Amino acid sequence: MPKSKRNKVLSLTNVKPQGSKLKDKLIESIHEASDLYSSVFVIELVNTRNTSLKEMRAQWGGSRY
């Protein structure tokens, strides 16, 4: 009898890990933006729809996301 194919582990992703380079770039861009802007807000978005993001962008037009 042939081998069963049901128990095979199949990875569906080809994403390579970025490592610390991406994190270092993010931290550097935050430091640069803190020099340019007077205020910094940390926002956590959970289960948001596109309409709420559009409203936020309309209210904070001159800022950086």
C-alpha atoms as a PDB file:
ATOM      1  CA  MET A   1       0.000   0.000   0.000  1.00  0.00           C
ATOM      2  CA  PRO A   2       1.176   3.566  -0.663  1.00  0.00           C
ATOM      3  CA  LYS A   3       2.120   5.905   2.177  1.00  0.00           C
ATOM      4  CA  SER A   4      -0.561   8.192   3.543  1.00  0.00           C
ATOM      5  CA  LYS A   5      -0.176  11.875   2.639  1.00  0.00           C
ATOM      6  CA  ARG A   6      -2.460  13.137   5.396  1.00  0.00           C
ATOM      7  CA  ASN A   7       0.138  13.634   8.111  1.00  0.00           C
ATOM      8  CA  LYS A   8       2.607  15.732   6.114  1.00  0.00           C
ATOM      9  CA  VAL A   9       3.525  19.152   7.471  1.00  0.00           C
ATOM     10  CA  LEU A  10       3.325  21.697   4.681  1.00  0.00           C
ATOM     11  CA  SER A  11       4.604  25.237   5.065  1.00  0.00           C
ATOM     12  CA  LEU A  12       2.631  27.766   3.011  1.00  0.00           C
ATOM     13  CA  THR A  13       4.985  30.684   3.499  1.00  0.00           C
ATOM     14  CA  ASN A  14       8.192  31.736   1.825  1.00  0.00           C
ATOM     15  CA  VAL A  15       8.844  34.748   4.051  1.00  0.00           C
ATOM     16  CA  LYS A  16      12.406  35.172   5.245  1.00  0.00           C
ATOM     17  CA  PRO A  17      12.965  36.641   8.703  1.00  0.00           C
ATOM     18  CA  GLN A  18      14.130  40.262   8.686  1.00  0.00           C
ATOM     19  CA  GLY A  19      16.095  40.054  11.907  1.00  0.00           C
ATOM     20  CA  SER A  20      17.224  43.118  13.772  1.00  0.00           C
ATOM     21  CA  LYS A  21      17.778  45.252  10.637  1.00  0.00           C
ATOM     22  CA  LEU A  22      14.094  46.060  10.291  1.00  0.00           C
ATOM     23  CA  LYS A  23      13.758  46.879  13.979  1.00  0.00           C
ATOM     24  CA  ASP A  24      16.812  49.144  13.890  1.00  0.00           C
ATOM     25  CA  LYS A  25      15.416  51.025  10.872  1.00  0.00           C
ATOM     26  CA  LEU A  26      12.087  51.497  12.651  1.00  0.00           C
ATOM     27  CA  ILE A  27      13.741  52.842  15.791  1.00  0.00           C
ATOM     28  CA  GLU A  28      15.910  55.189  13.737  1.00  0.00           C
ATOM     29  CA  SER A  29      12.905  56.540  11.833  1.00  0.00           C
ATOM     30  CA  ILE A  30      11.066  57.140  15.139  1.00  0.00           C
ATOM     31  CA  HIS A  31      14.034  59.110  16.473  1.00  0.00           C
ATOM     32  CA  GLU A  32      14.141  61.223  13.300  1.00  0.00           C
ATOM     33  CA  ALA A  33      10.395  61.855  13.409  1.00  0.00           C
ATOM     34  CA  SER A  34      10.550  62.885  17.068  1.00  0.00           C
ATOM     35  CA  ASP A  35      12.883  65.715  16.075  1.00  0.00           C
ATOM     36  CA  LEU A  36      10.509  66.922  13.355  1.00  0.00           C
ATOM     37  CA  TYR A  37       7.165  66.708  15.188  1.00  0.00           C
ATOM     38  CA  SER A  38       6.158  68.165  18.534  1.00  0.00           C
ATOM     39  CA  SER A  39       3.925  65.272  19.680  1.00  0.00           C
ATOM     40  CA  VAL A  40       4.111  61.488  19.493  1.00  0.00           C
ATOM     41  CA  PHE A  41       1.065  59.224  19.835  1.00  0.00           C
ATOM     42  CA  VAL A  42       1.093  55.454  20.148  1.00  0.00           C
ATOM     43  CA  ILE A  43      -2.050  53.916  18.681  1.00  0.00           C
ATOM     44  CA  GLU A  44      -3.062  50.270  18.798  1.00  0.00           C
ATOM     45  CA  LEU A  45      -5.623  49.256  16.195  1.00  0.00           C
ATOM     46  CA  VAL A  46      -7.683  46.135  16.833  1.00  0.00           C
ATOM     47  CA  ASN A  47     -10.362  44.879  14.415  1.00  0.00           C
ATOM     48  CA  THR A  48     -10.488  48.147  12.522  1.00  0.00           C
ATOM     49  CA  ARG A  49     -12.258  48.813   9.300  1.00  0.00           C
ATOM     50  CA  ASN A  50     -11.051  50.989   6.471  1.00  0.00           C
ATOM     51  CA  THR A  51     -13.591  53.717   7.315  1.00  0.00           C
ATOM     52  CA  SER A  52     -12.106  54.365  10.759  1.00  0.00           C
ATOM     53  CA  LEU A  53      -8.626  54.688   9.254  1.00  0.00           C
ATOM     54  CA  LYS A  54      -9.966  57.101   6.641  1.00  0.00           C
ATOM     55  CA  GLU A  55     -11.515  59.248   9.362  1.00  0.00           C
ATOM     56  CA  MET A  56      -8.265  59.306  11.328  1.00  0.00           C
ATOM     57  CA  ARG A  57      -6.273  60.279   8.247  1.00  0.00           C
ATOM     58  CA  ALA A  58      -8.747  63.063   7.449  1.00  0.00           C
ATOM     59  CA  GLN A  59      -8.512  64.512  10.965  1.00  0.00           C
ATOM     60  CA  TRP A  60      -4.702  64.286  11.160  1.00  0.00           C
ATOM     61  CA  GLY A  61      -3.885  65.377   7.619  1.00  0.00           C
ATOM     62  CA  GLY A  62      -0.491  66.979   8.257  1.00  0.00           C
ATOM     63  CA  SER A  63       0.955  64.184  10.350  1.00  0.00           C
ATOM     64  CA  ARG A  64       2.939  61.028   9.683  1.00  0.00           C
ATOM     65  CA  TYR A  65       1.701  57.485  10.299  1.00  0.00           C
END
